[in-house]
């Protein structure tokens, strides 16, 4: 059976934690080429996804596109003690500078080290959901390549049949000419 190198697969999945979208496109190529437009959170798994695709499809130019949306915002933990220390330092500087420094803006405050900390995401949940989507997208990609391969094979066989019919017509005409 002929298998096309051109194909497309995508899969979306969600759970209580996040929504993940994976899209894989393949084009003709003599070698295995892989390009990723993964979002930052999922890009750490690009090599593993590349290997999954390579194990499933030995040749072609593959383009991976991913997206993830988390259901809950990451929790931000404010370090109140650190903020109090910065404000105390600012107040001491104001006293030393004869009150020429009057304001400490919020944007300056949050740019200072260790004022806040963002809670880490659960990477095992992310990876499991992402790999489920990637596996299904690869299966859909292979399915589309198989369908396209069947269409190519059908077209090829139809062209061969037409050539065979044409050769028979030429052969019959040749016989008629030789018999006369």
N, C-alpha and C. Protein backbone atom coordinates (compact mmCIF):
# COMPACT_ATOMS: atom_id res chain seq x y z
N UNK A 1 0.84 -1.18 0.00
CA UNK A 1 0.00 0.00 0.00
C UNK A 1 0.88 1.25 0.00
N UNK A 2 0.49 2.23 -0.79
CA UNK A 2 1.20 3.50 -0.85
C UNK A 2 0.76 4.37 0.32
N UNK A 3 1.73 5.05 0.94
CA UNK A 3 1.42 5.98 2.02
C UNK A 3 1.95 7.35 1.62
N UNK A 4 1.07 8.32 1.59
CA UNK A 4 1.46 9.68 1.23
C UNK A 4 2.32 10.29 2.33
N UNK A 5 3.18 11.22 1.95
CA UNK A 5 3.95 11.94 2.95
C UNK A 5 3.23 13.22 3.37
N UNK A 6 2.18 13.56 2.65
CA UNK A 6 1.40 14.75 2.97
C UNK A 6 0.25 14.34 3.87
N UNK A 7 0.11 15.01 5.01
CA UNK A 7 -0.97 14.66 5.92
C UNK A 7 -1.21 15.74 6.95
N UNK A 8 -2.26 15.51 7.72
CA UNK A 8 -2.67 16.48 8.73
C UNK A 8 -3.33 15.74 9.88
N UNK A 9 -2.99 16.10 11.08
CA UNK A 9 -3.63 15.53 12.26
C UNK A 9 -3.73 16.57 13.36
N UNK A 10 -4.86 16.57 14.03
CA UNK A 10 -5.01 17.47 15.17
C UNK A 10 -5.87 16.79 16.22
N UNK A 11 -5.67 17.21 17.44
CA UNK A 11 -6.50 16.68 18.51
C UNK A 11 -6.56 17.69 19.64
N UNK A 12 -7.74 17.83 20.21
CA UNK A 12 -7.95 18.71 21.36
C UNK A 12 -8.45 17.84 22.50
N UNK A 13 -7.98 18.15 23.69
CA UNK A 13 -8.45 17.41 24.85
C UNK A 13 -8.45 18.35 26.05
N UNK A 14 -9.30 18.05 26.99
CA UNK A 14 -9.33 18.86 28.20
C UNK A 14 -9.65 17.96 29.39
N UNK A 15 -9.19 18.42 30.52
CA UNK A 15 -9.56 17.79 31.78
C UNK A 15 -9.82 18.91 32.77
N UNK A 16 -9.88 18.59 34.03
CA UNK A 16 -10.16 19.62 35.03
C UNK A 16 -9.01 20.63 35.15
N UNK A 17 -7.85 20.25 34.65
CA UNK A 17 -6.66 21.07 34.82
C UNK A 17 -6.41 22.03 33.66
N UNK A 18 -6.59 21.53 32.40
CA UNK A 18 -6.23 22.36 31.25
C UNK A 18 -6.90 21.87 29.97
N UNK A 19 -6.85 22.73 28.94
CA UNK A 19 -7.24 22.40 27.58
C UNK A 19 -5.96 22.36 26.75
N UNK A 20 -5.75 21.27 26.00
CA UNK A 20 -4.54 21.15 25.17
C UNK A 20 -4.96 20.94 23.72
N UNK A 21 -4.25 21.61 22.81
CA UNK A 21 -4.49 21.48 21.37
C UNK A 21 -3.16 21.12 20.71
N UNK A 22 -3.19 20.08 19.86
CA UNK A 22 -2.00 19.66 19.12
C UNK A 22 -2.36 19.55 17.65
N UNK A 23 -1.54 20.14 16.81
CA UNK A 23 -1.72 20.06 15.36
C UNK A 23 -0.39 19.63 14.74
N UNK A 24 -0.46 18.63 13.84
CA UNK A 24 0.74 18.17 13.14
C UNK A 24 0.44 18.15 11.65
N UNK A 25 1.31 18.78 10.88
CA UNK A 25 1.20 18.78 9.43
C UNK A 25 2.44 18.10 8.87
N UNK A 26 2.26 17.36 7.78
CA UNK A 26 3.44 16.77 7.14
C UNK A 26 3.42 17.08 5.65
N UNK A 27 4.60 17.31 5.13
CA UNK A 27 4.78 17.58 3.71
C UNK A 27 5.84 16.63 3.17
N UNK A 28 5.92 16.54 1.85
CA UNK A 28 6.91 15.67 1.23
C UNK A 28 8.32 16.15 1.57
N UNK A 29 9.16 15.22 1.89
CA UNK A 29 10.57 15.50 2.12
C UNK A 29 11.34 14.19 2.02
N UNK A 30 12.51 14.28 1.50
CA UNK A 30 13.34 13.09 1.35
C UNK A 30 13.83 12.57 2.69
N UNK A 31 13.94 13.46 3.65
CA UNK A 31 14.47 13.14 4.96
C UNK A 31 13.41 13.41 6.03
N UNK A 32 13.77 13.17 7.26
CA UNK A 32 12.89 13.51 8.39
C UNK A 32 13.28 14.89 8.89
N UNK A 33 12.37 15.84 8.78
CA UNK A 33 12.58 17.20 9.29
C UNK A 33 11.46 17.51 10.26
N UNK A 34 11.80 18.20 11.36
CA UNK A 34 10.82 18.50 12.39
C UNK A 34 10.95 19.96 12.80
N UNK A 35 9.83 20.68 12.76
CA UNK A 35 9.78 22.07 13.18
C UNK A 35 8.67 22.22 14.20
N UNK A 36 8.95 22.95 15.25
CA UNK A 36 7.97 23.09 16.32
C UNK A 36 7.62 24.55 16.55
N UNK A 37 6.33 24.78 16.71
CA UNK A 37 5.82 26.07 17.17
C UNK A 37 5.05 25.81 18.45
N UNK A 38 5.71 25.13 19.36
CA UNK A 38 5.07 24.79 20.64
C UNK A 38 5.04 26.00 21.55
N UNK A 39 4.01 26.06 22.35
CA UNK A 39 3.97 27.11 23.37
C UNK A 39 5.05 26.79 24.41
N UNK A 40 5.41 27.79 25.17
CA UNK A 40 6.54 27.67 26.10
C UNK A 40 6.37 26.51 27.09
N UNK A 41 5.17 26.34 27.62
CA UNK A 41 4.93 25.29 28.63
C UNK A 41 5.15 23.90 28.05
N UNK A 42 4.76 23.70 26.78
CA UNK A 42 4.85 22.37 26.17
C UNK A 42 6.15 22.14 25.41
N UNK A 43 6.89 23.19 25.11
CA UNK A 43 8.10 23.05 24.29
C UNK A 43 9.17 22.17 24.95
N UNK A 44 9.11 22.00 26.27
CA UNK A 44 10.11 21.16 26.94
C UNK A 44 9.97 19.69 26.53
N UNK A 45 8.83 19.33 25.92
CA UNK A 45 8.60 17.95 25.50
C UNK A 45 8.80 17.75 24.00
N UNK A 46 9.30 18.76 23.29
CA UNK A 46 9.44 18.68 21.83
C UNK A 46 10.27 17.48 21.37
N UNK A 47 11.37 17.21 22.04
CA UNK A 47 12.21 16.08 21.62
C UNK A 47 11.46 14.75 21.74
N UNK A 48 10.69 14.60 22.79
CA UNK A 48 9.93 13.36 22.96
C UNK A 48 8.84 13.22 21.90
N UNK A 49 8.18 14.32 21.57
CA UNK A 49 7.15 14.31 20.52
C UNK A 49 7.81 14.06 19.17
N UNK A 50 8.94 14.66 18.93
CA UNK A 50 9.68 14.44 17.68
C UNK A 50 9.98 12.94 17.52
N UNK A 51 10.43 12.29 18.59
CA UNK A 51 10.74 10.86 18.53
C UNK A 51 9.49 10.02 18.29
N UNK A 52 8.36 10.42 18.89
CA UNK A 52 7.10 9.70 18.65
C UNK A 52 6.72 9.78 17.17
N UNK A 53 6.85 10.97 16.59
CA UNK A 53 6.52 11.14 15.17
C UNK A 53 7.49 10.35 14.31
N UNK A 54 8.77 10.42 14.66
CA UNK A 54 9.79 9.72 13.87
C UNK A 54 9.58 8.20 13.92
N UNK A 55 9.16 7.67 15.05
CA UNK A 55 8.88 6.24 15.16
C UNK A 55 7.68 5.84 14.32
N UNK A 56 6.77 6.75 14.12
CA UNK A 56 5.55 6.47 13.38
C UNK A 56 5.68 6.78 11.88
N UNK A 57 6.47 7.77 11.56
CA UNK A 57 6.62 8.24 10.17
C UNK A 57 8.10 8.48 9.90
N UNK A 58 8.70 7.66 9.10
CA UNK A 58 10.16 7.74 8.94
C UNK A 58 10.64 8.91 8.09
N UNK A 59 9.79 9.40 7.17
CA UNK A 59 10.22 10.49 6.30
C UNK A 59 9.15 11.56 6.23
N UNK A 60 9.58 12.77 5.92
CA UNK A 60 8.65 13.88 5.75
C UNK A 60 9.11 15.10 6.50
N UNK A 61 8.47 16.21 6.19
CA UNK A 61 8.71 17.47 6.86
C UNK A 61 7.53 17.70 7.80
N UNK A 62 7.76 17.67 9.09
CA UNK A 62 6.69 17.73 10.08
C UNK A 62 6.70 19.05 10.81
N UNK A 63 5.51 19.63 10.93
CA UNK A 63 5.35 20.89 11.65
C UNK A 63 4.38 20.67 12.81
N UNK A 64 4.86 20.95 14.00
CA UNK A 64 4.07 20.76 15.22
C UNK A 64 3.64 22.13 15.75
N UNK A 65 2.37 22.24 16.08
CA UNK A 65 1.84 23.47 16.68
C UNK A 65 1.03 23.06 17.90
N UNK A 66 1.27 23.72 19.03
CA UNK A 66 0.56 23.37 20.25
C UNK A 66 0.03 24.62 20.95
N UNK A 67 -0.96 24.37 21.79
CA UNK A 67 -1.53 25.44 22.60
C UNK A 67 -2.07 24.82 23.88
N UNK A 68 -1.93 25.52 24.98
CA UNK A 68 -2.50 25.05 26.25
C UNK A 68 -3.16 26.22 26.95
N UNK A 69 -4.32 25.95 27.52
CA UNK A 69 -5.02 26.95 28.33
C UNK A 69 -5.37 26.27 29.64
N UNK A 70 -4.94 26.88 30.72
CA UNK A 70 -5.19 26.32 32.04
C UNK A 70 -6.55 26.78 32.54
N UNK A 71 -7.24 25.89 33.21
CA UNK A 71 -8.57 26.20 33.74
C UNK A 71 -8.52 27.14 34.93
N UNK A 72 -7.48 27.05 35.70
CA UNK A 72 -7.36 27.91 36.88
C UNK A 72 -6.10 28.74 36.77
N UNK A 73 -6.19 29.97 37.18
CA UNK A 73 -5.02 30.84 37.17
C UNK A 73 -4.01 30.33 38.20
N UNK A 74 -2.74 30.56 37.86
CA UNK A 74 -1.70 30.19 38.83
C UNK A 74 -1.84 31.07 40.07
N UNK A 75 -1.63 30.49 41.21
CA UNK A 75 -1.72 31.24 42.46
C UNK A 75 -0.43 32.04 42.66
N UNK A 76 -0.61 33.27 43.05
CA UNK A 76 0.53 34.13 43.34
C UNK A 76 0.63 34.30 44.85
N UNK A 77 1.80 34.04 45.36
CA UNK A 77 2.03 34.14 46.80
C UNK A 77 2.84 35.41 47.05
N UNK A 78 2.27 36.31 47.84
CA UNK A 78 2.92 37.58 48.15
C UNK A 78 3.78 37.40 49.40
N UNK A 79 5.01 37.90 49.30
CA UNK A 79 5.93 37.86 50.43
C UNK A 79 5.77 39.19 51.21
N UNK A 80 4.84 39.20 52.15
CA UNK A 80 4.50 40.43 52.88
C UNK A 80 5.67 40.95 53.70
N UNK A 81 6.44 40.06 54.26
CA UNK A 81 7.60 40.46 55.06
C UNK A 81 8.64 41.19 54.20
N UNK A 82 8.84 40.66 52.99
CA UNK A 82 9.81 41.27 52.06
C UNK A 82 9.32 42.67 51.65
N UNK A 83 8.02 42.81 51.38
CA UNK A 83 7.47 44.12 51.01
C UNK A 83 7.65 45.11 52.16
N UNK A 84 7.34 44.66 53.37
CA UNK A 84 7.51 45.54 54.55
C UNK A 84 8.96 45.99 54.67
N UNK A 85 9.91 45.10 54.43
CA UNK A 85 11.33 45.47 54.50
C UNK A 85 11.69 46.51 53.45
N UNK A 86 11.19 46.35 52.22
CA UNK A 86 11.47 47.32 51.16
C UNK A 86 10.88 48.69 51.50
N UNK A 87 9.67 48.69 52.05
CA UNK A 87 9.04 49.96 52.41
C UNK A 87 9.82 50.63 53.54
N UNK A 88 10.28 49.85 54.51
CA UNK A 88 11.10 50.42 55.59
C UNK A 88 12.38 51.02 55.04
N UNK A 89 13.00 50.32 54.09
CA UNK A 89 14.24 50.84 53.48
C UNK A 89 13.94 52.13 52.73
N UNK A 90 12.85 52.15 51.99
CA UNK A 90 12.44 53.34 51.24
C UNK A 90 12.22 54.51 52.19
N UNK A 91 11.55 54.25 53.33
CA UNK A 91 11.30 55.31 54.32
C UNK A 91 12.61 55.83 54.90
N UNK A 92 13.55 54.97 55.15
CA UNK A 92 14.86 55.40 55.67
C UNK A 92 15.60 56.26 54.65
N UNK A 93 15.49 55.87 53.38
CA UNK A 93 16.14 56.65 52.31
C UNK A 93 15.49 58.03 52.21
N UNK A 94 14.16 58.09 52.35
CA UNK A 94 13.46 59.38 52.31
C UNK A 94 13.97 60.31 53.41
N UNK A 95 14.14 59.75 54.59
CA UNK A 95 14.63 60.56 55.72
C UNK A 95 16.03 61.08 55.42
N UNK A 96 16.89 60.21 54.89
CA UNK A 96 18.27 60.61 54.58
C UNK A 96 18.35 61.60 53.42
N UNK A 97 17.36 61.56 52.53
CA UNK A 97 17.40 62.44 51.35
C UNK A 97 16.52 63.67 51.54
N UNK A 98 16.21 64.01 52.75
CA UNK A 98 15.39 65.18 53.07
C UNK A 98 14.03 65.14 52.37
N UNK A 99 13.43 63.95 52.36
CA UNK A 99 12.09 63.74 51.80
C UNK A 99 11.97 64.06 50.31
N UNK A 100 13.08 64.00 49.56
CA UNK A 100 12.99 64.23 48.11
C UNK A 100 12.44 63.01 47.38
N UNK A 101 12.56 61.84 47.99
CA UNK A 101 11.96 60.63 47.42
C UNK A 101 10.62 60.41 48.11
N UNK A 102 9.55 60.77 47.44
CA UNK A 102 8.24 60.73 48.09
C UNK A 102 7.45 59.46 47.78
N UNK A 103 7.67 58.84 46.64
CA UNK A 103 6.77 57.73 46.32
C UNK A 103 7.54 56.49 45.86
N UNK A 104 6.98 55.39 46.23
CA UNK A 104 7.46 54.10 45.75
C UNK A 104 6.28 53.48 45.01
N UNK A 105 6.37 53.44 43.69
CA UNK A 105 5.24 52.97 42.90
C UNK A 105 5.12 51.45 42.96
N UNK A 106 3.92 50.98 42.69
CA UNK A 106 3.66 49.53 42.73
C UNK A 106 4.50 48.81 41.67
N UNK A 107 4.62 49.39 40.48
CA UNK A 107 5.41 48.71 39.43
C UNK A 107 6.87 48.57 39.83
N UNK A 108 7.40 49.57 40.54
CA UNK A 108 8.78 49.45 41.04
C UNK A 108 8.86 48.40 42.14
N UNK A 109 7.85 48.39 42.98
CA UNK A 109 7.84 47.45 44.09
C UNK A 109 7.79 46.01 43.60
N UNK A 110 6.91 45.71 42.65
CA UNK A 110 6.80 44.31 42.20
C UNK A 110 7.98 43.87 41.33
N UNK A 111 8.77 44.84 40.87
CA UNK A 111 9.96 44.45 40.10
C UNK A 111 11.14 44.08 41.01
N UNK A 112 10.99 44.31 42.29
CA UNK A 112 12.05 43.99 43.22
C UNK A 112 12.08 42.48 43.50
N UNK A 113 13.27 41.94 43.73
CA UNK A 113 13.42 40.49 43.90
C UNK A 113 12.61 39.94 45.07
N UNK A 114 12.05 38.81 44.84
CA UNK A 114 11.40 37.98 45.86
C UNK A 114 10.18 38.63 46.51
N UNK A 115 9.51 39.54 45.81
CA UNK A 115 8.28 40.16 46.33
C UNK A 115 7.12 39.17 46.23
N UNK A 116 7.11 38.44 45.13
CA UNK A 116 6.04 37.47 44.96
C UNK A 116 6.60 36.21 44.30
N UNK A 117 5.84 35.17 44.41
CA UNK A 117 6.25 33.89 43.85
C UNK A 117 5.01 33.27 43.20
N UNK A 118 5.20 32.73 41.99
CA UNK A 118 4.09 32.10 41.27
C UNK A 118 4.15 30.60 41.51
N UNK A 119 3.01 30.05 41.90
CA UNK A 119 2.94 28.61 42.19
C UNK A 119 3.23 27.79 40.93
N UNK A 120 4.03 26.77 41.07
CA UNK A 120 4.40 25.90 39.96
C UNK A 120 3.21 25.07 39.47
N UNK A 121 3.20 24.81 38.18
CA UNK A 121 2.19 23.94 37.58
C UNK A 121 2.59 22.48 37.80
N UNK A 122 1.62 21.59 37.76
CA UNK A 122 1.88 20.16 37.90
C UNK A 122 2.27 19.61 36.53
N UNK A 123 3.58 19.45 36.32
CA UNK A 123 4.09 19.04 35.01
C UNK A 123 3.68 17.62 34.63
N UNK A 124 3.45 16.75 35.59
CA UNK A 124 3.05 15.38 35.23
C UNK A 124 1.64 15.38 34.63
N UNK A 125 0.75 16.22 35.15
CA UNK A 125 -0.59 16.33 34.57
C UNK A 125 -0.53 16.94 33.18
N UNK A 126 0.29 17.96 33.02
CA UNK A 126 0.45 18.61 31.72
C UNK A 126 0.99 17.62 30.70
N UNK A 127 2.04 16.91 31.08
CA UNK A 127 2.68 15.97 30.15
C UNK A 127 1.71 14.85 29.74
N UNK A 128 0.98 14.29 30.69
CA UNK A 128 0.04 13.22 30.37
C UNK A 128 -1.03 13.69 29.39
N UNK A 129 -1.61 14.84 29.64
CA UNK A 129 -2.65 15.37 28.76
C UNK A 129 -2.07 15.69 27.39
N UNK A 130 -0.89 16.29 27.37
CA UNK A 130 -0.24 16.63 26.10
C UNK A 130 0.09 15.38 25.28
N UNK A 131 0.63 14.37 25.92
CA UNK A 131 0.99 13.15 25.19
C UNK A 131 -0.24 12.40 24.68
N UNK A 132 -1.34 12.44 25.42
CA UNK A 132 -2.59 11.85 24.93
C UNK A 132 -3.02 12.55 23.64
N UNK A 133 -2.96 13.87 23.65
CA UNK A 133 -3.33 14.64 22.46
C UNK A 133 -2.36 14.37 21.31
N UNK A 134 -1.09 14.34 21.61
CA UNK A 134 -0.08 14.12 20.57
C UNK A 134 -0.25 12.74 19.94
N UNK A 135 -0.48 11.72 20.75
CA UNK A 135 -0.67 10.36 20.22
C UNK A 135 -1.88 10.30 19.29
N UNK A 136 -2.97 10.96 19.67
CA UNK A 136 -4.17 10.95 18.83
C UNK A 136 -3.96 11.78 17.57
N UNK A 137 -3.23 12.89 17.67
CA UNK A 137 -2.93 13.70 16.49
C UNK A 137 -2.03 12.94 15.53
N UNK A 138 -1.06 12.18 16.05
CA UNK A 138 -0.19 11.36 15.20
C UNK A 138 -1.01 10.27 14.53
N UNK A 139 -1.94 9.65 15.25
CA UNK A 139 -2.80 8.62 14.65
C UNK A 139 -3.65 9.23 13.53
N UNK A 140 -4.19 10.42 13.77
CA UNK A 140 -4.99 11.09 12.74
C UNK A 140 -4.12 11.48 11.54
N UNK A 141 -2.89 11.92 11.82
CA UNK A 141 -1.95 12.24 10.75
C UNK A 141 -1.69 11.01 9.88
N UNK A 142 -1.40 9.88 10.53
CA UNK A 142 -1.15 8.65 9.79
C UNK A 142 -2.37 8.21 9.00
N UNK A 143 -3.54 8.37 9.59
CA UNK A 143 -4.77 8.02 8.89
C UNK A 143 -4.94 8.87 7.63
N UNK A 144 -4.70 10.15 7.75
CA UNK A 144 -4.84 11.03 6.58
C UNK A 144 -3.78 10.69 5.52
N UNK A 145 -2.58 10.30 5.96
CA UNK A 145 -1.54 9.89 5.00
C UNK A 145 -1.92 8.58 4.31
N UNK A 146 -2.57 7.67 5.05
CA UNK A 146 -3.02 6.41 4.45
C UNK A 146 -4.14 6.65 3.45
N UNK A 147 -5.09 7.50 3.80
CA UNK A 147 -6.19 7.82 2.88
C UNK A 147 -5.65 8.47 1.62
N UNK A 148 -4.76 9.42 1.78
CA UNK A 148 -4.15 10.07 0.61
C UNK A 148 -3.35 9.06 -0.21
N UNK A 149 -2.69 8.13 0.46
CA UNK A 149 -1.95 7.08 -0.24
C UNK A 149 -2.88 6.20 -1.07
N UNK A 150 -4.05 5.86 -0.51
CA UNK A 150 -5.03 5.07 -1.27
C UNK A 150 -5.52 5.84 -2.48
N UNK A 151 -5.73 7.14 -2.31
CA UNK A 151 -6.15 7.97 -3.45
C UNK A 151 -5.07 8.02 -4.53
N UNK A 152 -3.84 8.13 -4.12
CA UNK A 152 -2.72 8.12 -5.08
C UNK A 152 -2.66 6.78 -5.79
N UNK A 153 -2.78 5.69 -5.02
CA UNK A 153 -2.74 4.35 -5.60
C UNK A 153 -3.89 4.15 -6.60
N UNK A 154 -5.08 4.60 -6.23
CA UNK A 154 -6.24 4.49 -7.12
C UNK A 154 -6.00 5.27 -8.41
N UNK A 155 -5.50 6.49 -8.29
CA UNK A 155 -5.21 7.32 -9.46
C UNK A 155 -4.12 6.68 -10.32
N UNK A 156 -3.10 6.16 -9.67
CA UNK A 156 -2.01 5.50 -10.38
C UNK A 156 -2.52 4.28 -11.17
N UNK A 157 -3.33 3.46 -10.49
CA UNK A 157 -3.90 2.27 -11.16
C UNK A 157 -4.81 2.67 -12.30
N UNK A 158 -5.59 3.71 -12.14
CA UNK A 158 -6.48 4.20 -13.21
C UNK A 158 -5.65 4.65 -14.41
N UNK A 159 -4.56 5.36 -14.15
CA UNK A 159 -3.68 5.80 -15.24
C UNK A 159 -3.03 4.60 -15.94
N UNK A 160 -2.65 3.58 -15.15
CA UNK A 160 -2.07 2.38 -15.76
C UNK A 160 -3.10 1.66 -16.64
N UNK A 161 -4.35 1.58 -16.17
CA UNK A 161 -5.42 0.97 -16.97
C UNK A 161 -5.62 1.73 -18.28
N UNK A 162 -5.61 3.06 -18.20
CA UNK A 162 -5.76 3.88 -19.41
C UNK A 162 -4.60 3.66 -20.37
N UNK A 163 -3.41 3.55 -19.82
CA UNK A 163 -2.23 3.27 -20.67
C UNK A 163 -2.35 1.90 -21.33
N UNK A 164 -2.80 0.92 -20.54
CA UNK A 164 -2.98 -0.44 -21.07
C UNK A 164 -4.00 -0.44 -22.20
N UNK A 165 -5.12 0.27 -22.02
CA UNK A 165 -6.14 0.36 -23.07
C UNK A 165 -5.58 1.05 -24.30
N UNK A 166 -4.83 2.10 -24.09
CA UNK A 166 -4.21 2.82 -25.21
C UNK A 166 -3.23 1.94 -25.96
N UNK A 167 -2.45 1.13 -25.24
CA UNK A 167 -1.50 0.21 -25.88
C UNK A 167 -2.23 -0.85 -26.71
N UNK A 168 -3.36 -1.32 -26.21
CA UNK A 168 -4.15 -2.31 -26.96
C UNK A 168 -4.69 -1.70 -28.24
N UNK A 169 -5.17 -0.45 -28.17
CA UNK A 169 -5.66 0.23 -29.37
C UNK A 169 -4.54 0.39 -30.38
N UNK A 170 -3.38 0.78 -29.91
CA UNK A 170 -2.22 0.95 -30.80
C UNK A 170 -1.82 -0.39 -31.39
N UNK A 171 -1.82 -1.43 -30.59
CA UNK A 171 -1.47 -2.77 -31.05
C UNK A 171 -2.44 -3.25 -32.13
N UNK A 172 -3.74 -3.04 -31.90
CA UNK A 172 -4.77 -3.43 -32.89
C UNK A 172 -4.61 -2.63 -34.17
N UNK A 173 -4.34 -1.33 -34.07
CA UNK A 173 -4.14 -0.51 -35.25
C UNK A 173 -2.89 -0.96 -36.02
N UNK A 174 -1.88 -1.34 -35.28
CA UNK A 174 -0.65 -1.82 -35.90
C UNK A 174 -0.90 -3.12 -36.67
N UNK A 175 -1.68 -4.03 -36.08
CA UNK A 175 -2.01 -5.29 -36.75
C UNK A 175 -2.80 -5.04 -38.01
N UNK A 176 -3.80 -4.11 -37.93
CA UNK A 176 -4.61 -3.80 -39.10
C UNK A 176 -3.78 -3.23 -40.22
N UNK A 177 -2.83 -2.39 -39.88
CA UNK A 177 -1.98 -1.79 -40.90
C UNK A 177 -1.06 -2.82 -41.53
N UNK A 178 -0.57 -3.75 -40.73
CA UNK A 178 0.31 -4.80 -41.25
C UNK A 178 -0.46 -5.81 -42.09
N UNK A 179 -1.72 -6.04 -41.76
CA UNK A 179 -2.52 -7.02 -42.51
C UNK A 179 -2.91 -6.45 -43.87
N UNK A 180 -2.96 -5.17 -44.04
CA UNK A 180 -3.34 -4.57 -45.31
C UNK A 180 -2.14 -4.40 -46.13
